[in-house]
Amino acid sequence: MAGSYDLEIEQGATFSLLMTWAISNVPVNLTGYTARLQARIDVDETSTILSLTTGAGITLGGAAGTITLDRSAAQTAVLPQGQYVYDLELESSGGVVTRLLQGELDISAEVTR
């Protein structure tokens, strides 16, 4: 079952989130895994407002089990302000997909430009 975790991204600010996937306090070896994250206005919407993949906003840390989400200040500046839903999935080299996280994504408007 996916964990629930709400994210907040501030427009115009660098966003970086480091997490570790562990089972019984033992990091999951993510070697050979790929990851994807999509955010939409709601689950039925066809278009995304944010889409990250391994090598394009998501970095996996192999045996350490780490997952890093990154967006530069320039990349967050163009995100539309509002509340969205997202989920983060990881896929093993054998094709097993795990929805690791899901929740709300709040993008707060930048005042200083």
PDB file of N, CA and C in Angstrom:
ATOM      1  N   MET A   1       0.841  -1.173   0.000  1.00  0.00           N
ATOM      2  CA  MET A   1       0.000   0.000   0.000  1.00  0.00           C
ATOM      3  C   MET A   1       0.889   1.240   0.000  1.00  0.00           C
ATOM      4  N   ALA A   2       0.548   2.190  -0.864  1.00  0.00           N
ATOM      5  CA  ALA A   2       1.341   3.415  -0.988  1.00  0.00           C
ATOM      6  C   ALA A   2       1.262   4.249   0.287  1.00  0.00           C
ATOM      7  N   GLY A   3       2.380   4.861   0.615  1.00  0.00           N
ATOM      8  CA  GLY A   3       2.390   5.800   1.717  1.00  0.00           C
ATOM      9  C   GLY A   3       1.763   7.111   1.288  1.00  0.00           C
ATOM     10  N   SER A   4       1.245   7.847   2.237  1.00  0.00           N
ATOM     11  CA  SER A   4       0.639   9.136   1.953  1.00  0.00           C
ATOM     12  C   SER A   4       1.591  10.235   2.415  1.00  0.00           C
ATOM     13  N   TYR A   5       1.927  11.147   1.490  1.00  0.00           N
ATOM     14  CA  TYR A   5       2.854  12.231   1.812  1.00  0.00           C
ATOM     15  C   TYR A   5       2.519  13.414   0.924  1.00  0.00           C
ATOM     16  N   ASP A   6       2.224  14.552   1.521  1.00  0.00           N
ATOM     17  CA  ASP A   6       1.903  15.753   0.765  1.00  0.00           C
ATOM     18  C   ASP A   6       3.180  16.535   0.480  1.00  0.00           C
ATOM     19  N   LEU A   7       3.276  17.038  -0.744  1.00  0.00           N
ATOM     20  CA  LEU A   7       4.438  17.808  -1.181  1.00  0.00           C
ATOM     21  C   LEU A   7       4.075  19.273  -1.339  1.00  0.00           C
ATOM     22  N   GLU A   8       5.054  20.155  -1.121  1.00  0.00           N
ATOM     23  CA  GLU A   8       4.877  21.572  -1.408  1.00  0.00           C
ATOM     24  C   GLU A   8       6.063  22.052  -2.219  1.00  0.00           C
ATOM     25  N   ILE A   9       5.765  22.706  -3.325  1.00  0.00           N
ATOM     26  CA  ILE A   9       6.785  23.311  -4.167  1.00  0.00           C
ATOM     27  C   ILE A   9       6.503  24.802  -4.220  1.00  0.00           C
ATOM     28  N   GLU A  10       7.534  25.594  -4.021  1.00  0.00           N
ATOM     29  CA  GLU A  10       7.401  27.049  -4.092  1.00  0.00           C
ATOM     30  C   GLU A  10       7.869  27.504  -5.469  1.00  0.00           C
ATOM     31  N   GLN A  11       7.007  28.218  -6.198  1.00  0.00           N
ATOM     32  CA  GLN A  11       7.398  28.744  -7.503  1.00  0.00           C
ATOM     33  C   GLN A  11       8.671  29.573  -7.361  1.00  0.00           C
ATOM     34  N   GLY A  12       9.596  29.398  -8.291  1.00  0.00           N
ATOM     35  CA  GLY A  12      10.812  30.206  -8.321  1.00  0.00           C
ATOM     36  C   GLY A  12      11.875  29.831  -7.323  1.00  0.00           C
ATOM     37  N   ALA A  13      11.659  28.764  -6.562  1.00  0.00           N
ATOM     38  CA  ALA A  13      12.648  28.290  -5.586  1.00  0.00           C
ATOM     39  C   ALA A  13      13.113  26.894  -5.967  1.00  0.00           C
ATOM     40  N   THR A  14      14.356  26.600  -5.662  1.00  0.00           N
ATOM     41  CA  THR A  14      14.878  25.261  -5.914  1.00  0.00           C
ATOM     42  C   THR A  14      14.141  24.262  -5.033  1.00  0.00           C
ATOM     43  N   PHE A  15      13.731  23.150  -5.627  1.00  0.00           N
ATOM     44  CA  PHE A  15      13.037  22.089  -4.882  1.00  0.00           C
ATOM     45  C   PHE A  15      13.915  20.850  -4.895  1.00  0.00           C
ATOM     46  N   SER A  16      14.163  20.287  -3.726  1.00  0.00           N
ATOM     47  CA  SER A  16      14.913  19.044  -3.613  1.00  0.00           C
ATOM     48  C   SER A  16      14.381  18.259  -2.428  1.00  0.00           C
ATOM     49  N   LEU A  17      14.058  17.018  -2.666  1.00  0.00           N
ATOM     50  CA  LEU A  17      13.562  16.142  -1.606  1.00  0.00           C
ATOM     51  C   LEU A  17      14.307  14.821  -1.683  1.00  0.00           C
ATOM     52  N   LEU A  18      14.959  14.453  -0.591  1.00  0.00           N
ATOM     53  CA  LEU A  18      15.687  13.189  -0.495  1.00  0.00           C
ATOM     54  C   LEU A  18      14.931  12.282   0.454  1.00  0.00           C
ATOM     55  N   MET A  19      14.660  11.073   0.001  1.00  0.00           N
ATOM     56  CA  MET A  19      13.988  10.085   0.849  1.00  0.00           C
ATOM     57  C   MET A  19      14.662   8.729   0.655  1.00  0.00           C
ATOM     58  N   THR A  20      14.420   7.830   1.586  1.00  0.00           N
ATOM     59  CA  THR A  20      14.965   6.474   1.499  1.00  0.00           C
ATOM     60  C   THR A  20      13.827   5.483   1.596  1.00  0.00           C
ATOM     61  N   TRP A  21      13.775   4.542   0.646  1.00  0.00           N
ATOM     62  CA  TRP A  21      12.795   3.463   0.692  1.00  0.00           C
ATOM     63  C   TRP A  21      13.443   2.330   1.479  1.00  0.00           C
ATOM     64  N   ALA A  22      12.861   2.012   2.623  1.00  0.00           N
ATOM     65  CA  ALA A  22      13.383   0.948   3.478  1.00  0.00           C
ATOM     66  C   ALA A  22      12.238   0.066   3.942  1.00  0.00           C
ATOM     67  N   ILE A  23      12.530  -1.189   4.085  1.00  0.00           N
ATOM     68  CA  ILE A  23      11.575  -2.156   4.634  1.00  0.00           C
ATOM     69  C   ILE A  23      12.218  -2.732   5.889  1.00  0.00           C
ATOM     70  N   SER A  24      11.534  -2.620   7.018  1.00  0.00           N
ATOM     71  CA  SER A  24      12.072  -3.028   8.321  1.00  0.00           C
ATOM     72  C   SER A  24      13.436  -2.398   8.567  1.00  0.00           C
ATOM     73  N   ASN A  25      13.545  -1.101   8.261  1.00  0.00           N
ATOM     74  CA  ASN A  25      14.762  -0.307   8.451  1.00  0.00           C
ATOM     75  C   ASN A  25      15.943  -0.744   7.592  1.00  0.00           C
ATOM     76  N   VAL A  26      15.702  -1.561   6.561  1.00  0.00           N
ATOM     77  CA  VAL A  26      16.750  -1.977   5.635  1.00  0.00           C
ATOM     78  C   VAL A  26      16.458  -1.329   4.286  1.00  0.00           C
ATOM     79  N   PRO A  27      17.384  -0.498   3.764  1.00  0.00           N
ATOM     80  CA  PRO A  27      17.145   0.153   2.475  1.00  0.00           C
ATOM     81  C   PRO A  27      16.914  -0.873   1.357  1.00  0.00           C
ATOM     82  N   VAL A  28      15.950  -0.564   0.488  1.00  0.00           N
ATOM     83  CA  VAL A  28      15.686  -1.405  -0.683  1.00  0.00           C
ATOM     84  C   VAL A  28      16.732  -1.066  -1.738  1.00  0.00           C
ATOM     85  N   ASN A  29      17.381  -2.079  -2.287  1.00  0.00           N
ATOM     86  CA  ASN A  29      18.379  -1.855  -3.331  1.00  0.00           C
ATOM     87  C   ASN A  29      17.653  -1.477  -4.622  1.00  0.00           C
ATOM     88  N   LEU A  30      17.833  -0.242  -5.065  1.00  0.00           N
ATOM     89  CA  LEU A  30      17.133   0.272  -6.234  1.00  0.00           C
ATOM     90  C   LEU A  30      17.927   0.134  -7.529  1.00  0.00           C
ATOM     91  N   THR A  31      19.005  -0.629  -7.496  1.00  0.00           N
ATOM     92  CA  THR A  31      19.774  -0.883  -8.708  1.00  0.00           C
ATOM     93  C   THR A  31      18.871  -1.559  -9.738  1.00  0.00           C
ATOM     94  N   GLY A  32      18.823  -1.014 -10.937  1.00  0.00           N
ATOM     95  CA  GLY A  32      17.996  -1.570 -12.002  1.00  0.00           C
ATOM     96  C   GLY A  32      16.565  -1.048 -12.019  1.00  0.00           C
ATOM     97  N   TYR A  33      16.198  -0.250 -11.031  1.00  0.00           N
ATOM     98  CA  TYR A  33      14.850   0.316 -10.964  1.00  0.00           C
ATOM     99  C   TYR A  33      14.765   1.588 -11.817  1.00  0.00           C
ATOM    100  N   THR A  34      13.547   1.906 -12.219  1.00  0.00           N
ATOM    101  CA  THR A  34      13.226   3.210 -12.781  1.00  0.00           C
ATOM    102  C   THR A  34      12.102   3.798 -11.932  1.00  0.00           C
ATOM    103  N   ALA A  35      11.946   5.111 -12.038  1.00  0.00           N
ATOM    104  CA  ALA A  35      10.919   5.782 -11.234  1.00  0.00           C
ATOM    105  C   ALA A  35      10.192   6.797 -12.094  1.00  0.00           C
ATOM    106  N   ARG A  36       8.956   7.078 -11.716  1.00  0.00           N
ATOM    107  CA  ARG A  36       8.167   8.106 -12.389  1.00  0.00           C
ATOM    108  C   ARG A  36       7.214   8.744 -11.392  1.00  0.00           C
ATOM    109  N   LEU A  37       7.014  10.043 -11.577  1.00  0.00           N
ATOM    110  CA  LEU A  37       6.092  10.807 -10.755  1.00  0.00           C
ATOM    111  C   LEU A  37       5.282  11.686 -11.695  1.00  0.00           C
ATOM    112  N   GLN A  38       3.976  11.697 -11.495  1.00  0.00           N
ATOM    113  CA  GLN A  38       3.110  12.591 -12.263  1.00  0.00           C
ATOM    114  C   GLN A  38       2.162  13.296 -11.319  1.00  0.00           C
ATOM    115  N   ALA A  39       1.896  14.571 -11.625  1.00  0.00           N
ATOM    116  CA  ALA A  39       0.927  15.362 -10.872  1.00  0.00           C
ATOM    117  C   ALA A  39      -0.108  15.912 -11.844  1.00  0.00           C
ATOM    118  N   ARG A  40      -1.359  15.885 -11.408  1.00  0.00           N
ATOM    119  CA  ARG A  40      -2.480  16.352 -12.222  1.00  0.00           C
ATOM    120  C   ARG A  40      -3.437  17.131 -11.332  1.00  0.00           C
ATOM    121  N   ILE A  41      -4.341  17.875 -11.970  1.00  0.00           N
ATOM    122  CA  ILE A  41      -5.325  18.627 -11.206  1.00  0.00           C
ATOM    123  C   ILE A  41      -6.256  17.683 -10.442  1.00  0.00           C
ATOM    124  N   ASP A  42      -6.563  16.527 -11.014  1.00  0.00           N
ATOM    125  CA  ASP A  42      -7.282  15.456 -10.316  1.00  0.00           C
ATOM    126  C   ASP A  42      -6.969  14.141 -11.024  1.00  0.00           C
ATOM    127  N   VAL A  43      -7.347  13.035 -10.437  1.00  0.00           N
ATOM    128  CA  VAL A  43      -6.953  11.724 -10.973  1.00  0.00           C
ATOM    129  C   VAL A  43      -7.539  11.440 -12.349  1.00  0.00           C
ATOM    130  N   ASP A  44      -8.643  12.085 -12.711  1.00  0.00           N
ATOM    131  CA  ASP A  44      -9.269  11.837 -14.006  1.00  0.00           C
ATOM    132  C   ASP A  44      -8.734  12.715 -15.127  1.00  0.00           C
ATOM    133  N   GLU A  45      -7.939  13.716 -14.787  1.00  0.00           N
ATOM    134  CA  GLU A  45      -7.382  14.643 -15.786  1.00  0.00           C
ATOM    135  C   GLU A  45      -6.378  13.911 -16.670  1.00  0.00           C
ATOM    136  N   THR A  46      -6.389  14.188 -17.970  1.00  0.00           N
ATOM    137  CA  THR A  46      -5.456  13.528 -18.883  1.00  0.00           C
ATOM    138  C   THR A  46      -4.100  14.224 -18.953  1.00  0.00           C
ATOM    139  N   SER A  47      -4.070  15.538 -18.777  1.00  0.00           N
ATOM    140  CA  SER A  47      -2.796  16.256 -18.870  1.00  0.00           C
ATOM    141  C   SER A  47      -2.146  16.377 -17.492  1.00  0.00           C
ATOM    142  N   THR A  48      -0.824  16.423 -17.506  1.00  0.00           N
ATOM    143  CA  THR A  48      -0.061  16.564 -16.267  1.00  0.00           C
ATOM    144  C   THR A  48       0.458  17.993 -16.140  1.00  0.00           C
ATOM    145  N   ILE A  49       0.655  18.435 -14.912  1.00  0.00           N
ATOM    146  CA  ILE A  49       1.308  19.724 -14.695  1.00  0.00           C
ATOM    147  C   ILE A  49       2.765  19.514 -14.302  1.00  0.00           C
ATOM    148  N   LEU A  50       3.091  18.281 -13.902  1.00  0.00           N
ATOM    149  CA  LEU A  50       4.468  17.932 -13.549  1.00  0.00           C
ATOM    150  C   LEU A  50       4.664  16.457 -13.857  1.00  0.00           C
ATOM    151  N   SER A  51       5.763  16.150 -14.535  1.00  0.00           N
ATOM    152  CA  SER A  51       6.096  14.766 -14.858  1.00  0.00           C
ATOM    153  C   SER A  51       7.603  14.591 -14.704  1.00  0.00           C
ATOM    154  N   LEU A  52       8.006  13.734 -13.780  1.00  0.00           N
ATOM    155  CA  LEU A  52       9.414  13.450 -13.531  1.00  0.00           C
ATOM    156  C   LEU A  52       9.682  11.974 -13.795  1.00  0.00           C
ATOM    157  N   THR A  53      10.888  11.672 -14.263  1.00  0.00           N
ATOM    158  CA  THR A  53      11.297  10.290 -14.481  1.00  0.00           C
ATOM    159  C   THR A  53      12.748  10.134 -14.036  1.00  0.00           C
ATOM    160  N   THR A  54      13.206   8.911 -13.986  1.00  0.00           N
ATOM    161  CA  THR A  54      14.604   8.648 -13.655  1.00  0.00           C
ATOM    162  C   THR A  54      15.483   9.386 -14.663  1.00  0.00           C
ATOM    163  N   GLY A  55      16.417  10.173 -14.160  1.00  0.00           N
ATOM    164  CA  GLY A  55      17.304  10.930 -15.023  1.00  0.00           C
ATOM    165  C   GLY A  55      16.743  12.276 -15.455  1.00  0.00           C
ATOM    166  N   ALA A  56      15.482  12.510 -15.209  1.00  0.00           N
ATOM    167  CA  ALA A  56      14.837  13.779 -15.560  1.00  0.00           C
ATOM    168  C   ALA A  56      14.011  14.258 -14.363  1.00  0.00           C
ATOM    169  N   GLY A  57      14.724  14.555 -13.273  1.00  0.00           N
ATOM    170  CA  GLY A  57      14.066  15.039 -12.065  1.00  0.00           C
ATOM    171  C   GLY A  57      14.049  14.043 -10.930  1.00  0.00           C
ATOM    172  N   ILE A  58      14.338  12.769 -11.238  1.00  0.00           N
ATOM    173  CA  ILE A  58      14.413  11.733 -10.192  1.00  0.00           C
ATOM    174  C   ILE A  58      15.765  11.032 -10.299  1.00  0.00           C
ATOM    175  N   THR A  59      16.450  10.936  -9.161  1.00  0.00           N
ATOM    176  CA  THR A  59      17.721  10.211  -9.089  1.00  0.00           C
ATOM    177  C   THR A  59      17.571   9.097  -8.067  1.00  0.00           C
ATOM    178  N   LEU A  60      17.908   7.878  -8.484  1.00  0.00           N
ATOM    179  CA  LEU A  60      17.842   6.716  -7.589  1.00  0.00           C
ATOM    180  C   LEU A  60      19.245   6.390  -7.088  1.00  0.00           C
ATOM    181  N   GLY A  61      19.353   6.036  -5.813  1.00  0.00           N
ATOM    182  CA  GLY A  61      20.649   5.833  -5.171  1.00  0.00           C
ATOM    183  C   GLY A  61      21.085   4.395  -5.014  1.00  0.00           C
ATOM    184  N   GLY A  62      20.635   3.490  -5.882  1.00  0.00           N
ATOM    185  CA  GLY A  62      21.120   2.111  -5.859  1.00  0.00           C
ATOM    186  C   GLY A  62      20.922   1.418  -4.529  1.00  0.00           C
ATOM    187  N   ALA A  63      21.999   0.812  -4.016  1.00  0.00           N
ATOM    188  CA  ALA A  63      21.925   0.010  -2.788  1.00  0.00           C
ATOM    189  C   ALA A  63      21.547   0.832  -1.565  1.00  0.00           C
ATOM    190  N   ALA A  64      21.754   2.148  -1.615  1.00  0.00           N
ATOM    191  CA  ALA A  64      21.407   3.013  -0.475  1.00  0.00           C
ATOM    192  C   ALA A  64      19.903   3.199  -0.346  1.00  0.00           C
ATOM    193  N   GLY A  65      19.153   2.871  -1.411  1.00  0.00           N
ATOM    194  CA  GLY A  65      17.697   2.975  -1.368  1.00  0.00           C
ATOM    195  C   GLY A  65      17.161   4.397  -1.443  1.00  0.00           C
ATOM    196  N   THR A  66      18.017   5.343  -1.820  1.00  0.00           N
ATOM    197  CA  THR A  66      17.590   6.741  -1.825  1.00  0.00           C
ATOM    198  C   THR A  66      16.888   7.124  -3.132  1.00  0.00           C
ATOM    199  N   ILE A  67      15.966   8.052  -2.985  1.00  0.00           N
ATOM    200  CA  ILE A  67      15.222   8.623  -4.102  1.00  0.00           C
ATOM    201  C   ILE A  67      15.282  10.133  -3.914  1.00  0.00           C
ATOM    202  N   THR A  68      15.784  10.844  -4.918  1.00  0.00           N
ATOM    203  CA  THR A  68      15.859  12.292  -4.839  1.00  0.00           C
ATOM    204  C   THR A  68      15.005  12.894  -5.941  1.00  0.00           C
ATOM    205  N   LEU A  69      14.132  13.822  -5.548  1.00  0.00           N
ATOM    206  CA  LEU A  69      13.337  14.598  -6.491  1.00  0.00           C
ATOM    207  C   LEU A  69      13.964  15.982  -6.561  1.00  0.00           C
ATOM    208  N   ASP A  70      14.212  16.487  -7.770  1.00  0.00           N
ATOM    209  CA  ASP A  70      14.866  17.785  -7.944  1.00  0.00           C
ATOM    210  C   ASP A  70      14.199  18.593  -9.039  1.00  0.00           C
ATOM    211  N   ARG A  71      14.067  19.892  -8.794  1.00  0.00           N
ATOM    212  CA  ARG A  71      13.643  20.867  -9.805  1.00  0.00           C
ATOM    213  C   ARG A  71      14.415  22.149  -9.518  1.00  0.00           C
ATOM    214  N   SER A  72      14.922  22.773 -10.560  1.00  0.00           N
ATOM    215  CA  SER A  72      15.649  24.032 -10.395  1.00  0.00           C
ATOM    216  C   SER A  72      14.662  25.174 -10.160  1.00  0.00           C
ATOM    217  N   ALA A  73      15.177  26.316  -9.739  1.00  0.00           N
ATOM    218  CA  ALA A  73      14.327  27.491  -9.539  1.00  0.00           C
ATOM    219  C   ALA A  73      13.628  27.878 -10.846  1.00  0.00           C
ATOM    220  N   ALA A  74      14.345  27.797 -11.961  1.00  0.00           N
ATOM    221  CA  ALA A  74      13.740  28.124 -13.264  1.00  0.00           C
ATOM    222  C   ALA A  74      12.617  27.144 -13.610  1.00  0.00           C
ATOM    223  N   GLN A  75      12.792  25.877 -13.265  1.00  0.00           N
ATOM    224  CA  GLN A  75      11.759  24.873 -13.559  1.00  0.00           C
ATOM    225  C   GLN A  75      10.532  25.047 -12.681  1.00  0.00           C
ATOM    226  N   THR A  76      10.705  25.430 -11.417  1.00  0.00           N
ATOM    227  CA  THR A  76       9.536  25.620 -10.556  1.00  0.00           C
ATOM    228  C   THR A  76       8.817  26.926 -10.866  1.00  0.00           C
ATOM    229  N   ALA A  77       9.536  27.911 -11.413  1.00  0.00           N
ATOM    230  CA  ALA A  77       8.933  29.208 -11.716  1.00  0.00           C
ATOM    231  C   ALA A  77       7.799  29.099 -12.730  1.00  0.00           C
ATOM    232  N   VAL A  78       7.859  28.099 -13.609  1.00  0.00           N
ATOM    233  CA  VAL A  78       6.839  27.966 -14.665  1.00  0.00           C
ATOM    234  C   VAL A  78       5.701  27.019 -14.280  1.00  0.00           C
ATOM    235  N   LEU A  79       5.775  26.421 -13.099  1.00  0.00           N
ATOM    236  CA  LEU A  79       4.690  25.540 -12.657  1.00  0.00           C
ATOM    237  C   LEU A  79       3.472  26.381 -12.264  1.00  0.00           C
ATOM    238  N   PRO A  80       2.271  25.956 -12.626  1.00  0.00           N
ATOM    239  CA  PRO A  80       1.078  26.725 -12.270  1.00  0.00           C
ATOM    240  C   PRO A  80       0.738  26.588 -10.781  1.00  0.00           C
ATOM    241  N   GLN A  81       0.476  27.717 -10.160  1.00  0.00           N
ATOM    242  CA  GLN A  81       0.104  27.724  -8.746  1.00  0.00           C
ATOM    243  C   GLN A  81      -1.219  26.973  -8.568  1.00  0.00           C
ATOM    244  N   GLY A  82      -1.338  26.203  -7.476  1.00  0.00           N
ATOM    245  CA  GLY A  82      -2.580  25.494  -7.191  1.00  0.00           C
ATOM    246  C   GLY A  82      -2.346  24.216  -6.421  1.00  0.00           C
ATOM    247  N   GLN A  83      -3.442  23.474  -6.237  1.00  0.00           N
ATOM    248  CA  GLN A  83      -3.386  22.181  -5.541  1.00  0.00           C
ATOM    249  C   GLN A  83      -3.669  21.068  -6.529  1.00  0.00           C
ATOM    250  N   TYR A  84      -2.858  20.023  -6.437  1.00  0.00           N
ATOM    251  CA  TYR A  84      -2.901  18.914  -7.380  1.00  0.00           C
ATOM    252  C   TYR A  84      -2.785  17.596  -6.619  1.00  0.00           C
ATOM    253  N   VAL A  85      -2.921  16.493  -7.329  1.00  0.00           N
ATOM    254  CA  VAL A  85      -2.664  15.165  -6.779  1.00  0.00           C
ATOM    255  C   VAL A  85      -1.477  14.569  -7.533  1.00  0.00           C
ATOM    256  N   TYR A  86      -0.740  13.691  -6.857  1.00  0.00           N
ATOM    257  CA  TYR A  86       0.422  13.069  -7.488  1.00  0.00           C
ATOM    258  C   TYR A  86       0.568  11.651  -6.959  1.00  0.00           C
ATOM    259  N   ASP A  87       1.360  10.861  -7.676  1.00  0.00           N
ATOM    260  CA  ASP A  87       1.881   9.624  -7.105  1.00  0.00           C
ATOM    261  C   ASP A  87       3.272   9.359  -7.671  1.00  0.00           C
ATOM    262  N   LEU A  88       4.021   8.551  -6.934  1.00  0.00           N
ATOM    263  CA  LEU A  88       5.385   8.174  -7.287  1.00  0.00           C
ATOM    264  C   LEU A  88       5.434   6.664  -7.387  1.00  0.00           C
ATOM    265  N   GLU A  89       5.823   6.178  -8.570  1.00  0.00           N
ATOM    266  CA  GLU A  89       5.919   4.735  -8.803  1.00  0.00           C
ATOM    267  C   GLU A  89       7.358   4.345  -9.104  1.00  0.00           C
ATOM    268  N   LEU A  90       7.733   3.177  -8.621  1.00  0.00           N
ATOM    269  CA  LEU A  90       9.030   2.599  -8.947  1.00  0.00           C
ATOM    270  C   LEU A  90       8.796   1.269  -9.648  1.00  0.00           C
ATOM    271  N   GLU A  91       9.610   1.007 -10.667  1.00  0.00           N
ATOM    272  CA  GLU A  91       9.479  -0.240 -11.419  1.00  0.00           C
ATOM    273  C   GLU A  91      10.802  -0.987 -11.398  1.00  0.00           C
ATOM    274  N   SER A  92      10.754  -2.252 -10.970  1.00  0.00           N
ATOM    275  CA  SER A  92      11.961  -3.079 -10.907  1.00  0.00           C
ATOM    276  C   SER A  92      12.350  -3.512 -12.319  1.00  0.00           C
ATOM    277  N   SER A  93      13.563  -4.031 -12.449  1.00  0.00           N
ATOM    278  CA  SER A  93      14.020  -4.525 -13.751  1.00  0.00           C
ATOM    279  C   SER A  93      13.164  -5.690 -14.226  1.00  0.00           C
ATOM    280  N   GLY A  94      12.465  -6.357 -13.308  1.00  0.00           N
ATOM    281  CA  GLY A  94      11.573  -7.458 -13.657  1.00  0.00           C
ATOM    282  C   GLY A  94      10.165  -7.012 -14.019  1.00  0.00           C
ATOM    283  N   GLY A  95       9.917  -5.692 -14.005  1.00  0.00           N
ATOM    284  CA  GLY A  95       8.616  -5.171 -14.395  1.00  0.00           C
ATOM    285  C   GLY A  95       7.593  -5.046 -13.280  1.00  0.00           C
ATOM    286  N   VAL A  96       8.020  -5.255 -12.023  1.00  0.00           N
ATOM    287  CA  VAL A  96       7.109  -5.106 -10.892  1.00  0.00           C
ATOM    288  C   VAL A  96       7.008  -3.620 -10.541  1.00  0.00           C
ATOM    289  N   VAL A  97       5.785  -3.093 -10.563  1.00  0.00           N
ATOM    290  CA  VAL A  97       5.555  -1.686 -10.277  1.00  0.00           C
ATOM    291  C   VAL A  97       5.025  -1.539  -8.851  1.00  0.00           C
ATOM    292  N   THR A  98       5.649  -0.636  -8.106  1.00  0.00           N
ATOM    293  CA  THR A  98       5.228  -0.326  -6.742  1.00  0.00           C
ATOM    294  C   THR A  98       4.871   1.143  -6.676  1.00  0.00           C
ATOM    295  N   ARG A  99       3.632   1.443  -6.278  1.00  0.00           N
ATOM    296  CA  ARG A  99       3.285   2.832  -6.009  1.00  0.00           C
ATOM    297  C   ARG A  99       3.778   3.117  -4.600  1.00  0.00           C
ATOM    298  N   LEU A 100       4.845   3.882  -4.504  1.00  0.00           N
ATOM    299  CA  LEU A 100       5.500   4.109  -3.220  1.00  0.00           C
ATOM    300  C   LEU A 100       4.817   5.212  -2.418  1.00  0.00           C
ATOM    301  N   LEU A 101       4.501   6.327  -3.088  1.00  0.00           N
ATOM    302  CA  LEU A 101       3.885   7.471  -2.412  1.00  0.00           C
ATOM    303  C   LEU A 101       2.738   8.024  -3.238  1.00  0.00           C
ATOM    304  N   GLN A 102       1.821   8.677  -2.532  1.00  0.00           N
ATOM    305  CA  GLN A 102       0.742   9.408  -3.184  1.00  0.00           C
ATOM    306  C   GLN A 102       0.295  10.511  -2.241  1.00  0.00           C
ATOM    307  N   GLY A 103      -0.309  11.526  -2.802  1.00  0.00           N
ATOM    308  CA  GLY A 103      -0.781  12.607  -1.948  1.00  0.00           C
ATOM    309  C   GLY A 103      -1.127  13.843  -2.738  1.00  0.00           C
ATOM    310  N   GLU A 104      -1.163  14.949  -2.022  1.00  0.00           N
ATOM    311  CA  GLU A 104      -1.456  16.233  -2.639  1.00  0.00           C
ATOM    312  C   GLU A 104      -0.152  16.973  -2.892  1.00  0.00           C
ATOM    313  N   LEU A 105      -0.156  17.759  -3.951  1.00  0.00           N
ATOM    314  CA  LEU A 105       0.963  18.622  -4.284  1.00  0.00           C
ATOM    315  C   LEU A 105       0.445  20.048  -4.299  1.00  0.00           C
ATOM    316  N   ASP A 106       1.028  20.892  -3.453  1.00  0.00           N
ATOM    317  CA  ASP A 106       0.639  22.293  -3.389  1.00  0.00           C
ATOM    318  C   ASP A 106       1.768  23.122  -3.987  1.00  0.00           C
ATOM    319  N   ILE A 107       1.454  23.894  -5.018  1.00  0.00           N
ATOM    320  CA  ILE A 107       2.428  24.791  -5.621  1.00  0.00           C
ATOM    321  C   ILE A 107       2.038  26.206  -5.215  1.00  0.00           C
ATOM    322  N   SER A 108       2.876  26.812  -4.390  1.00  0.00           N
ATOM    323  CA  SER A 108       2.575  28.150  -3.894  1.00  0.00           C
ATOM    324  C   SER A 108       3.147  29.206  -4.841  1.00  0.00           C
ATOM    325  N   ALA A 109       2.383  30.276  -5.013  1.00  0.00           N
ATOM    326  CA  ALA A 109       2.759  31.344  -5.958  1.00  0.00           C
ATOM    327  C   ALA A 109       3.951  32.131  -5.459  1.00  0.00           C
ATOM    328  N   GLU A 110       4.806  32.488  -6.411  1.00  0.00           N
ATOM    329  CA  GLU A 110       5.973  33.319  -6.119  1.00  0.00           C
ATOM    330  C   GLU A 110       5.549  34.782  -6.146  1.00  0.00           C
ATOM    331  N   VAL A 111       5.957  35.538  -5.154  1.00  0.00           N
ATOM    332  CA  VAL A 111       5.654  36.963  -5.094  1.00  0.00           C
ATOM    333  C   VAL A 111       6.831  37.767  -5.654  1.00  0.00           C
ATOM    334  N   THR A 112       8.053  37.402  -5.238  1.00  0.00           N
ATOM    335  CA  THR A 112       9.253  38.099  -5.699  1.00  0.00           C
ATOM    336  C   THR A 112       9.684  37.533  -7.044  1.00  0.00           C
ATOM    337  N   ARG A 113       9.758  38.410  -8.043  1.00  0.00           N
ATOM    338  CA  ARG A 113      10.159  37.962  -9.380  1.00  0.00           C
ATOM    339  C   ARG A 113      11.215  38.882  -9.943  1.00  0.00           C
TER     340      ARG A 113
END
